[in-house]
Amino acid sequence: KKVDGKKLEPMEQIFIDCEDAFMGV
């Protein structure tokens, strides 16, 4: 989208549940 000359894009909230060993990658 373009609002007031600014380019906007759709955003997502990402919720991740994983083992702590994979947190870094």
mmCIF file of all heavy atoms, coordinates in Angstrom:
data_MODEL
# 
_entry.id   MODEL 
# 
loop_
_atom_site.group_PDB 
_atom_site.id 
_atom_site.type_symbol 
_atom_site.label_atom_id 
_atom_site.label_alt_id 
_atom_site.label_comp_id 
_atom_site.label_asym_id 
_atom_site.label_entity_id 
_atom_site.label_seq_id 
_atom_site.pdbx_PDB_ins_code 
_atom_site.Cartn_x 
_atom_site.Cartn_y 
_atom_site.Cartn_z 
_atom_site.occupancy 
_atom_site.B_iso_or_equiv 
_atom_site.pdbx_formal_charge 
_atom_site.auth_seq_id 
_atom_site.auth_comp_id 
_atom_site.auth_asym_id 
_atom_site.auth_atom_id 
_atom_site.pdbx_PDB_model_num 
ATOM 1   N N   . LYS A 1 1  ? 0.854  -1.195  0.000  1.00 0.00 ? 1  LYS A N   1 
ATOM 2   C CA  . LYS A 1 1  ? 0.000  0.000   0.000  1.00 0.00 ? 1  LYS A CA  1 
ATOM 3   C C   . LYS A 1 1  ? 0.888  1.243   0.000  1.00 0.00 ? 1  LYS A C   1 
ATOM 4   O O   . LYS A 1 1  ? 2.022  1.178   0.483  1.00 0.00 ? 1  LYS A O   1 
ATOM 5   C CB  . LYS A 1 1  ? -0.857 0.040   1.271  1.00 0.00 ? 1  LYS A CB  1 
ATOM 6   C CG  . LYS A 1 1  ? -2.080 -0.816  1.259  1.00 0.00 ? 1  LYS A CG  1 
ATOM 7   C CD  . LYS A 1 1  ? -2.826 -0.571  2.554  1.00 0.00 ? 1  LYS A CD  1 
ATOM 8   C CE  . LYS A 1 1  ? -4.114 -1.377  2.608  1.00 0.00 ? 1  LYS A CE  1 
ATOM 9   N NZ  . LYS A 1 1  ? -4.811 -1.160  3.890  1.00 0.00 ? 1  LYS A NZ  1 
ATOM 10  N N   . LYS A 1 2  ? 0.380  2.330   -0.507 1.00 0.00 ? 2  LYS A N   1 
ATOM 11  C CA  . LYS A 1 2  ? 1.087  3.613   -0.402 1.00 0.00 ? 2  LYS A CA  1 
ATOM 12  C C   . LYS A 1 2  ? 0.197  4.592   0.345  1.00 0.00 ? 2  LYS A C   1 
ATOM 13  O O   . LYS A 1 2  ? -0.936 4.852   -0.066 1.00 0.00 ? 2  LYS A O   1 
ATOM 14  C CB  . LYS A 1 2  ? 1.431  4.154   -1.793 1.00 0.00 ? 2  LYS A CB  1 
ATOM 15  C CG  . LYS A 1 2  ? 2.740  3.609   -2.329 1.00 0.00 ? 2  LYS A CG  1 
ATOM 16  C CD  . LYS A 1 2  ? 3.481  4.654   -3.130 1.00 0.00 ? 2  LYS A CD  1 
ATOM 17  C CE  . LYS A 1 2  ? 4.921  4.198   -3.381 1.00 0.00 ? 2  LYS A CE  1 
ATOM 18  N NZ  . LYS A 1 2  ? 5.670  5.142   -4.179 1.00 0.00 ? 2  LYS A NZ  1 
ATOM 19  N N   . VAL A 1 3  ? 0.691  5.092   1.480  1.00 0.00 ? 3  VAL A N   1 
ATOM 20  C CA  . VAL A 1 3  ? -0.053 6.057   2.295  1.00 0.00 ? 3  VAL A CA  1 
ATOM 21  C C   . VAL A 1 3  ? 0.857  7.250   2.565  1.00 0.00 ? 3  VAL A C   1 
ATOM 22  O O   . VAL A 1 3  ? 1.960  7.075   3.114  1.00 0.00 ? 3  VAL A O   1 
ATOM 23  C CB  . VAL A 1 3  ? -0.518 5.422   3.627  1.00 0.00 ? 3  VAL A CB  1 
ATOM 24  C CG1 . VAL A 1 3  ? -1.239 6.449   4.478  1.00 0.00 ? 3  VAL A CG1 1 
ATOM 25  C CG2 . VAL A 1 3  ? -1.403 4.212   3.376  1.00 0.00 ? 3  VAL A CG2 1 
ATOM 26  N N   . ASP A 1 4  ? 0.416  8.429   2.149  1.00 0.00 ? 4  ASP A N   1 
ATOM 27  C CA  . ASP A 1 4  ? 1.202  9.664   2.325  1.00 0.00 ? 4  ASP A CA  1 
ATOM 28  C C   . ASP A 1 4  ? 2.615  9.522   1.753  1.00 0.00 ? 4  ASP A C   1 
ATOM 29  O O   . ASP A 1 4  ? 3.608  9.978   2.349  1.00 0.00 ? 4  ASP A O   1 
ATOM 30  C CB  . ASP A 1 4  ? 1.295  10.045  3.812  1.00 0.00 ? 4  ASP A CB  1 
ATOM 31  C CG  . ASP A 1 4  ? -0.075 10.298  4.423  1.00 0.00 ? 4  ASP A CG  1 
ATOM 32  O OD1 . ASP A 1 4  ? -0.969 10.740  3.671  1.00 0.00 ? 4  ASP A OD1 1 
ATOM 33  O OD2 . ASP A 1 4  ? -0.254 10.036  5.619  1.00 0.00 ? 4  ASP A OD2 1 
ATOM 34  N N   . GLY A 1 5  ? 2.707  8.853   0.607  1.00 0.00 ? 5  GLY A N   1 
ATOM 35  C CA  . GLY A 1 5  ? 4.002  8.697   -0.053 1.00 0.00 ? 5  GLY A CA  1 
ATOM 36  C C   . GLY A 1 5  ? 4.882  7.610   0.537  1.00 0.00 ? 5  GLY A C   1 
ATOM 37  O O   . GLY A 1 5  ? 5.973  7.337   0.039  1.00 0.00 ? 5  GLY A O   1 
ATOM 38  N N   . LYS A 1 6  ? 4.410  6.950   1.621  1.00 0.00 ? 6  LYS A N   1 
ATOM 39  C CA  . LYS A 1 6  ? 5.190  5.893   2.257  1.00 0.00 ? 6  LYS A CA  1 
ATOM 40  C C   . LYS A 1 6  ? 4.732  4.529   1.738  1.00 0.00 ? 6  LYS A C   1 
ATOM 41  O O   . LYS A 1 6  ? 3.531  4.292   1.566  1.00 0.00 ? 6  LYS A O   1 
ATOM 42  C CB  . LYS A 1 6  ? 4.993  5.918   3.775  1.00 0.00 ? 6  LYS A CB  1 
ATOM 43  C CG  . LYS A 1 6  ? 5.892  6.879   4.506  1.00 0.00 ? 6  LYS A CG  1 
ATOM 44  C CD  . LYS A 1 6  ? 5.708  6.665   6.006  1.00 0.00 ? 6  LYS A CD  1 
ATOM 45  C CE  . LYS A 1 6  ? 6.683  7.522   6.799  1.00 0.00 ? 6  LYS A CE  1 
ATOM 46  N NZ  . LYS A 1 6  ? 6.514  7.309   8.255  1.00 0.00 ? 6  LYS A NZ  1 
ATOM 47  N N   . LYS A 1 7  ? 5.689  3.639   1.535  1.00 0.00 ? 7  LYS A N   1 
ATOM 48  C CA  . LYS A 1 7  ? 5.372  2.277   1.105  1.00 0.00 ? 7  LYS A CA  1 
ATOM 49  C C   . LYS A 1 7  ? 5.122  1.417   2.346  1.00 0.00 ? 7  LYS A C   1 
ATOM 50  O O   . LYS A 1 7  ? 5.991  1.302   3.217  1.00 0.00 ? 7  LYS A O   1 
ATOM 51  C CB  . LYS A 1 7  ? 6.535  1.701   0.287  1.00 0.00 ? 7  LYS A CB  1 
ATOM 52  C CG  . LYS A 1 7  ? 6.245  0.337   -0.329 1.00 0.00 ? 7  LYS A CG  1 
ATOM 53  C CD  . LYS A 1 7  ? 7.423  -0.123  -1.162 1.00 0.00 ? 7  LYS A CD  1 
ATOM 54  C CE  . LYS A 1 7  ? 7.156  -1.452  -1.830 1.00 0.00 ? 7  LYS A CE  1 
ATOM 55  N NZ  . LYS A 1 7  ? 8.311  -1.933  -2.607 1.00 0.00 ? 7  LYS A NZ  1 
ATOM 56  N N   . LEU A 1 8  ? 3.918  0.851   2.430  1.00 0.00 ? 8  LEU A N   1 
ATOM 57  C CA  . LEU A 1 8  ? 3.557  -0.006  3.561  1.00 0.00 ? 8  LEU A CA  1 
ATOM 58  C C   . LEU A 1 8  ? 3.411  -1.443  3.088  1.00 0.00 ? 8  LEU A C   1 
ATOM 59  O O   . LEU A 1 8  ? 3.019  -1.699  1.950  1.00 0.00 ? 8  LEU A O   1 
ATOM 60  C CB  . LEU A 1 8  ? 2.246  0.455   4.201  1.00 0.00 ? 8  LEU A CB  1 
ATOM 61  C CG  . LEU A 1 8  ? 2.165  1.913   4.674  1.00 0.00 ? 8  LEU A CG  1 
ATOM 62  C CD1 . LEU A 1 8  ? 0.806  2.185   5.312  1.00 0.00 ? 8  LEU A CD1 1 
ATOM 63  C CD2 . LEU A 1 8  ? 3.281  2.231   5.652  1.00 0.00 ? 8  LEU A CD2 1 
ATOM 64  N N   . GLU A 1 9  ? 3.710  -2.392  3.974  1.00 0.00 ? 9  GLU A N   1 
ATOM 65  C CA  . GLU A 1 9  ? 3.570  -3.809  3.634  1.00 0.00 ? 9  GLU A CA  1 
ATOM 66  C C   . GLU A 1 9  ? 2.856  -4.549  4.765  1.00 0.00 ? 9  GLU A C   1 
ATOM 67  O O   . GLU A 1 9  ? 2.906  -4.119  5.924  1.00 0.00 ? 9  GLU A O   1 
ATOM 68  C CB  . GLU A 1 9  ? 4.940  -4.442  3.375  1.00 0.00 ? 9  GLU A CB  1 
ATOM 69  C CG  . GLU A 1 9  ? 5.862  -4.498  4.567  1.00 0.00 ? 9  GLU A CG  1 
ATOM 70  C CD  . GLU A 1 9  ? 7.141  -5.270  4.261  1.00 0.00 ? 9  GLU A CD  1 
ATOM 71  O OE1 . GLU A 1 9  ? 7.105  -6.145  3.396  1.00 0.00 ? 9  GLU A OE1 1 
ATOM 72  O OE2 . GLU A 1 9  ? 8.166  -4.986  4.896  1.00 0.00 ? 9  GLU A OE2 1 
ATOM 73  N N   . PRO A 1 10 ? 2.170  -5.662  4.449  1.00 0.00 ? 10 PRO A N   1 
ATOM 74  C CA  . PRO A 1 10 ? 1.480  -6.425  5.496  1.00 0.00 ? 10 PRO A CA  1 
ATOM 75  C C   . PRO A 1 10 ? 2.474  -7.071  6.455  1.00 0.00 ? 10 PRO A C   1 
ATOM 76  O O   . PRO A 1 10 ? 3.520  -7.557  6.035  1.00 0.00 ? 10 PRO A O   1 
ATOM 77  C CB  . PRO A 1 10 ? 0.692  -7.488  4.716  1.00 0.00 ? 10 PRO A CB  1 
ATOM 78  C CG  . PRO A 1 10 ? 1.345  -7.577  3.388  1.00 0.00 ? 10 PRO A CG  1 
ATOM 79  C CD  . PRO A 1 10 ? 1.958  -6.243  3.118  1.00 0.00 ? 10 PRO A CD  1 
ATOM 80  N N   . MET A 1 11 ? 2.146  -7.038  7.735  1.00 0.00 ? 11 MET A N   1 
ATOM 81  C CA  . MET A 1 11 ? 3.016  -7.590  8.773  1.00 0.00 ? 11 MET A CA  1 
ATOM 82  C C   . MET A 1 11 ? 2.328  -8.760  9.464  1.00 0.00 ? 11 MET A C   1 
ATOM 83  O O   . MET A 1 11 ? 1.103  -8.862  9.483  1.00 0.00 ? 11 MET A O   1 
ATOM 84  C CB  . MET A 1 11 ? 3.361  -6.520  9.812  1.00 0.00 ? 11 MET A CB  1 
ATOM 85  C CG  . MET A 1 11 ? 3.921  -5.228  9.240  1.00 0.00 ? 11 MET A CG  1 
ATOM 86  S SD  . MET A 1 11 ? 5.462  -5.439  8.348  1.00 0.00 ? 11 MET A SD  1 
ATOM 87  C CE  . MET A 1 11 ? 6.573  -5.734  9.699  1.00 0.00 ? 11 MET A CE  1 
ATOM 88  N N   . GLU A 1 12 ? 3.132  -9.629  10.032 1.00 0.00 ? 12 GLU A N   1 
ATOM 89  C CA  . GLU A 1 12 ? 2.628  -10.798 10.754 1.00 0.00 ? 12 GLU A CA  1 
ATOM 90  C C   . GLU A 1 12 ? 3.257  -10.844 12.140 1.00 0.00 ? 12 GLU A C   1 
ATOM 91  O O   . GLU A 1 12 ? 4.418  -10.480 12.320 1.00 0.00 ? 12 GLU A O   1 
ATOM 92  C CB  . GLU A 1 12 ? 2.994  -12.101 10.026 1.00 0.00 ? 12 GLU A CB  1 
ATOM 93  C CG  . GLU A 1 12 ? 2.512  -12.206 8.607  1.00 0.00 ? 12 GLU A CG  1 
ATOM 94  C CD  . GLU A 1 12 ? 1.107  -12.727 8.482  1.00 0.00 ? 12 GLU A CD  1 
ATOM 95  O OE1 . GLU A 1 12 ? 0.605  -13.322 9.454  1.00 0.00 ? 12 GLU A OE1 1 
ATOM 96  O OE2 . GLU A 1 12 ? 0.507  -12.540 7.405  1.00 0.00 ? 12 GLU A OE2 1 
ATOM 97  N N   . GLN A 1 13 ? 2.458  -11.308 13.102 1.00 0.00 ? 13 GLN A N   1 
ATOM 98  C CA  . GLN A 1 13 ? 3.026  -11.706 14.386 1.00 0.00 ? 13 GLN A CA  1 
ATOM 99  C C   . GLN A 1 13 ? 3.334  -13.187 14.280 1.00 0.00 ? 13 GLN A C   1 
ATOM 100 O O   . GLN A 1 13 ? 2.464  -13.983 13.902 1.00 0.00 ? 13 GLN A O   1 
ATOM 101 C CB  . GLN A 1 13 ? 2.020  -11.477 15.515 1.00 0.00 ? 13 GLN A CB  1 
ATOM 102 C CG  . GLN A 1 13 ? 2.023  -10.070 16.071 1.00 0.00 ? 13 GLN A CG  1 
ATOM 103 C CD  . GLN A 1 13 ? 1.024  -9.948  17.200 1.00 0.00 ? 13 GLN A CD  1 
ATOM 104 O OE1 . GLN A 1 13 ? -0.183 -9.923  16.955 1.00 0.00 ? 13 GLN A OE1 1 
ATOM 105 N NE2 . GLN A 1 13 ? 1.503  -9.881  18.418 1.00 0.00 ? 13 GLN A NE2 1 
ATOM 106 N N   . ILE A 1 14 ? 4.575  -13.565 14.593 1.00 0.00 ? 14 ILE A N   1 
ATOM 107 C CA  . ILE A 1 14 ? 4.991  -14.969 14.512 1.00 0.00 ? 14 ILE A CA  1 
ATOM 108 C C   . ILE A 1 14 ? 5.192  -15.490 15.932 1.00 0.00 ? 14 ILE A C   1 
ATOM 109 O O   . ILE A 1 14 ? 5.934  -14.894 16.721 1.00 0.00 ? 14 ILE A O   1 
ATOM 110 C CB  . ILE A 1 14 ? 6.290  -15.125 13.704 1.00 0.00 ? 14 ILE A CB  1 
ATOM 111 C CG1 . ILE A 1 14 ? 6.159  -14.469 12.330 1.00 0.00 ? 14 ILE A CG1 1 
ATOM 112 C CG2 . ILE A 1 14 ? 6.667  -16.590 13.559 1.00 0.00 ? 14 ILE A CG2 1 
ATOM 113 C CD1 . ILE A 1 14 ? 7.433  -14.470 11.520 1.00 0.00 ? 14 ILE A CD1 1 
ATOM 114 N N   . PHE A 1 15 ? 4.520  -16.587 16.253 1.00 0.00 ? 15 PHE A N   1 
ATOM 115 C CA  . PHE A 1 15 ? 4.654  -17.222 17.567 1.00 0.00 ? 15 PHE A CA  1 
ATOM 116 C C   . PHE A 1 15 ? 5.338  -18.569 17.367 1.00 0.00 ? 15 PHE A C   1 
ATOM 117 O O   . PHE A 1 15 ? 4.837  -19.425 16.631 1.00 0.00 ? 15 PHE A O   1 
ATOM 118 C CB  . PHE A 1 15 ? 3.275  -17.420 18.203 1.00 0.00 ? 15 PHE A CB  1 
ATOM 119 C CG  . PHE A 1 15 ? 2.503  -16.145 18.378 1.00 0.00 ? 15 PHE A CG  1 
ATOM 120 C CD1 . PHE A 1 15 ? 1.752  -15.616 17.336 1.00 0.00 ? 15 PHE A CD1 1 
ATOM 121 C CD2 . PHE A 1 15 ? 2.527  -15.464 19.578 1.00 0.00 ? 15 PHE A CD2 1 
ATOM 122 C CE1 . PHE A 1 15 ? 1.037  -14.442 17.486 1.00 0.00 ? 15 PHE A CE1 1 
ATOM 123 C CE2 . PHE A 1 15 ? 1.811  -14.282 19.738 1.00 0.00 ? 15 PHE A CE2 1 
ATOM 124 C CZ  . PHE A 1 15 ? 1.074  -13.774 18.699 1.00 0.00 ? 15 PHE A CZ  1 
ATOM 125 N N   . ILE A 1 16 ? 6.486  -18.763 18.030 1.00 0.00 ? 16 ILE A N   1 
ATOM 126 C CA  . ILE A 1 16 ? 7.287  -19.979 17.825 1.00 0.00 ? 16 ILE A CA  1 
ATOM 127 C C   . ILE A 1 16 ? 7.489  -20.687 19.155 1.00 0.00 ? 16 ILE A C   1 
ATOM 128 O O   . ILE A 1 16 ? 7.811  -20.056 20.171 1.00 0.00 ? 16 ILE A O   1 
ATOM 129 C CB  . ILE A 1 16 ? 8.633  -19.637 17.168 1.00 0.00 ? 16 ILE A CB  1 
ATOM 130 C CG1 . ILE A 1 16 ? 8.405  -19.324 15.687 1.00 0.00 ? 16 ILE A CG1 1 
ATOM 131 C CG2 . ILE A 1 16 ? 9.644  -20.765 17.320 1.00 0.00 ? 16 ILE A CG2 1 
ATOM 132 C CD1 . ILE A 1 16 ? 9.593  -18.873 14.930 1.00 0.00 ? 16 ILE A CD1 1 
ATOM 133 N N   . ASP A 1 17 ? 7.254  -22.000 19.149 1.00 0.00 ? 17 ASP A N   1 
ATOM 134 C CA  . ASP A 1 17 ? 7.511  -22.858 20.306 1.00 0.00 ? 17 ASP A CA  1 
ATOM 135 C C   . ASP A 1 17 ? 8.483  -23.930 19.829 1.00 0.00 ? 17 ASP A C   1 
ATOM 136 O O   . ASP A 1 17 ? 8.143  -24.738 18.961 1.00 0.00 ? 17 ASP A O   1 
ATOM 137 C CB  . ASP A 1 17 ? 6.188  -23.472 20.779 1.00 0.00 ? 17 ASP A CB  1 
ATOM 138 C CG  . ASP A 1 17 ? 6.352  -24.295 22.046 1.00 0.00 ? 17 ASP A CG  1 
ATOM 139 O OD1 . ASP A 1 17 ? 7.422  -24.899 22.218 1.00 0.00 ? 17 ASP A OD1 1 
ATOM 140 O OD2 . ASP A 1 17 ? 5.411  -24.355 22.854 1.00 0.00 ? 17 ASP A OD2 1 
ATOM 141 N N   . CYS A 1 18 ? 9.709  -23.923 20.375 1.00 0.00 ? 18 CYS A N   1 
ATOM 142 C CA  . CYS A 1 18 ? 10.706 -24.911 19.932 1.00 0.00 ? 18 CYS A CA  1 
ATOM 143 C C   . CYS A 1 18 ? 11.653 -25.238 21.080 1.00 0.00 ? 18 CYS A C   1 
ATOM 144 O O   . CYS A 1 18 ? 11.640 -24.589 22.138 1.00 0.00 ? 18 CYS A O   1 
ATOM 145 C CB  . CYS A 1 18 ? 11.493 -24.385 18.727 1.00 0.00 ? 18 CYS A CB  1 
ATOM 146 S SG  . CYS A 1 18 ? 12.569 -22.992 19.098 1.00 0.00 ? 18 CYS A SG  1 
ATOM 147 N N   . GLU A 1 19 ? 12.474 -26.263 20.870 1.00 0.00 ? 19 GLU A N   1 
ATOM 148 C CA  . GLU A 1 19 ? 13.474 -26.626 21.871 1.00 0.00 ? 19 GLU A CA  1 
ATOM 149 C C   . GLU A 1 19 ? 14.522 -25.521 21.945 1.00 0.00 ? 19 GLU A C   1 
ATOM 150 O O   . GLU A 1 19 ? 14.864 -24.905 20.920 1.00 0.00 ? 19 GLU A O   1 
ATOM 151 C CB  . GLU A 1 19 ? 14.121 -27.964 21.502 1.00 0.00 ? 19 GLU A CB  1 
ATOM 152 C CG  . GLU A 1 19 ? 13.159 -29.143 21.616 1.00 0.00 ? 19 GLU A CG  1 
ATOM 153 C CD  . GLU A 1 19 ? 13.802 -30.459 21.200 1.00 0.00 ? 19 GLU A CD  1 
ATOM 154 O OE1 . GLU A 1 19 ? 15.042 -30.531 21.183 1.00 0.00 ? 19 GLU A OE1 1 
ATOM 155 O OE2 . GLU A 1 19 ? 13.052 -31.406 20.888 1.00 0.00 ? 19 GLU A OE2 1 
ATOM 156 N N   . ASP A 1 20 ? 15.054 -25.291 23.165 1.00 0.00 ? 20 ASP A N   1 
ATOM 157 C CA  . ASP A 1 20 ? 15.980 -24.163 23.328 1.00 0.00 ? 20 ASP A CA  1 
ATOM 158 C C   . ASP A 1 20 ? 17.264 -24.321 22.513 1.00 0.00 ? 20 ASP A C   1 
ATOM 159 O O   . ASP A 1 20 ? 17.938 -23.337 22.203 1.00 0.00 ? 20 ASP A O   1 
ATOM 160 C CB  . ASP A 1 20 ? 16.302 -23.916 24.802 1.00 0.00 ? 20 ASP A CB  1 
ATOM 161 C CG  . ASP A 1 20 ? 16.737 -25.167 25.541 1.00 0.00 ? 20 ASP A CG  1 
ATOM 162 O OD1 . ASP A 1 20 ? 17.068 -26.168 24.870 1.00 0.00 ? 20 ASP A OD1 1 
ATOM 163 O OD2 . ASP A 1 20 ? 16.751 -25.146 26.790 1.00 0.00 ? 20 ASP A OD2 1 
ATOM 164 N N   . ALA A 1 21 ? 17.586 -25.559 22.115 1.00 0.00 ? 21 ALA A N   1 
ATOM 165 C CA  . ALA A 1 21 ? 18.786 -25.782 21.298 1.00 0.00 ? 21 ALA A CA  1 
ATOM 166 C C   . ALA A 1 21 ? 18.656 -25.149 19.916 1.00 0.00 ? 21 ALA A C   1 
ATOM 167 O O   . ALA A 1 21 ? 19.665 -24.846 19.268 1.00 0.00 ? 21 ALA A O   1 
ATOM 168 C CB  . ALA A 1 21 ? 19.056 -27.283 21.172 1.00 0.00 ? 21 ALA A CB  1 
ATOM 169 N N   . PHE A 1 22 ? 17.405 -24.960 19.457 1.00 0.00 ? 22 PHE A N   1 
ATOM 170 C CA  . PHE A 1 22 ? 17.190 -24.418 18.109 1.00 0.00 ? 22 PHE A CA  1 
ATOM 171 C C   . PHE A 1 22 ? 16.914 -22.910 18.120 1.00 0.00 ? 22 PHE A C   1 
ATOM 172 O O   . PHE A 1 22 ? 16.653 -22.321 17.078 1.00 0.00 ? 22 PHE A O   1 
ATOM 173 C CB  . PHE A 1 22 ? 16.009 -25.131 17.428 1.00 0.00 ? 22 PHE A CB  1 
ATOM 174 C CG  . PHE A 1 22 ? 16.166 -26.619 17.355 1.00 0.00 ? 22 PHE A CG  1 
ATOM 175 C CD1 . PHE A 1 22 ? 15.188 -27.476 17.855 1.00 0.00 ? 22 PHE A CD1 1 
ATOM 176 C CD2 . PHE A 1 22 ? 17.311 -27.197 16.810 1.00 0.00 ? 22 PHE A CD2 1 
ATOM 177 C CE1 . PHE A 1 22 ? 15.328 -28.849 17.800 1.00 0.00 ? 22 PHE A CE1 1 
ATOM 178 C CE2 . PHE A 1 22 ? 17.460 -28.570 16.752 1.00 0.00 ? 22 PHE A CE2 1 
ATOM 179 C CZ  . PHE A 1 22 ? 16.475 -29.401 17.245 1.00 0.00 ? 22 PHE A CZ  1 
ATOM 180 N N   . MET A 1 23 ? 16.951 -22.306 19.302 1.00 0.00 ? 23 MET A N   1 
ATOM 181 C CA  . MET A 1 23 ? 16.617 -20.878 19.418 1.00 0.00 ? 23 MET A CA  1 
ATOM 182 C C   . MET A 1 23 ? 17.548 -20.027 18.559 1.00 0.00 ? 23 MET A C   1 
ATOM 183 O O   . MET A 1 23 ? 17.110 -19.085 17.890 1.00 0.00 ? 23 MET A O   1 
ATOM 184 C CB  . MET A 1 23 ? 16.711 -20.448 20.881 1.00 0.00 ? 23 MET A CB  1 
ATOM 185 C CG  . MET A 1 23 ? 16.278 -19.023 21.137 1.00 0.00 ? 23 MET A CG  1 
ATOM 186 S SD  . MET A 1 23 ? 16.178 -18.627 22.885 1.00 0.00 ? 23 MET A SD  1 
ATOM 187 C CE  . MET A 1 23 ? 17.911 -18.645 23.330 1.00 0.00 ? 23 MET A CE  1 
ATOM 188 N N   . GLY A 1 24 ? 18.846 -20.362 18.550 1.00 0.00 ? 24 GLY A N   1 
ATOM 189 C CA  . GLY A 1 24 ? 19.831 -19.576 17.807 1.00 0.00 ? 24 GLY A CA  1 
ATOM 190 C C   . GLY A 1 24 ? 19.580 -19.569 16.317 1.00 0.00 ? 24 GLY A C   1 
ATOM 191 O O   . GLY A 1 24 ? 19.540 -18.509 15.682 1.00 0.00 ? 24 GLY A O   1 
ATOM 192 N N   . VAL A 1 25 ? 19.368 -20.759 15.732 1.00 0.00 ? 25 VAL A N   1 
ATOM 193 C CA  . VAL A 1 25 ? 19.202 -20.848 14.280 1.00 0.00 ? 25 VAL A CA  1 
ATOM 194 C C   . VAL A 1 25 ? 17.898 -20.188 13.846 1.00 0.00 ? 25 VAL A C   1 
ATOM 195 O O   . VAL A 1 25 ? 17.838 -19.520 12.806 1.00 0.00 ? 25 VAL A O   1 
ATOM 196 C CB  . VAL A 1 25 ? 19.295 -22.315 13.794 1.00 0.00 ? 25 VAL A CB  1 
ATOM 197 C CG1 . VAL A 1 25 ? 18.129 -23.159 14.303 1.00 0.00 ? 25 VAL A CG1 1 
ATOM 198 C CG2 . VAL A 1 25 ? 19.344 -22.377 12.276 1.00 0.00 ? 25 VAL A CG2 1 
# 
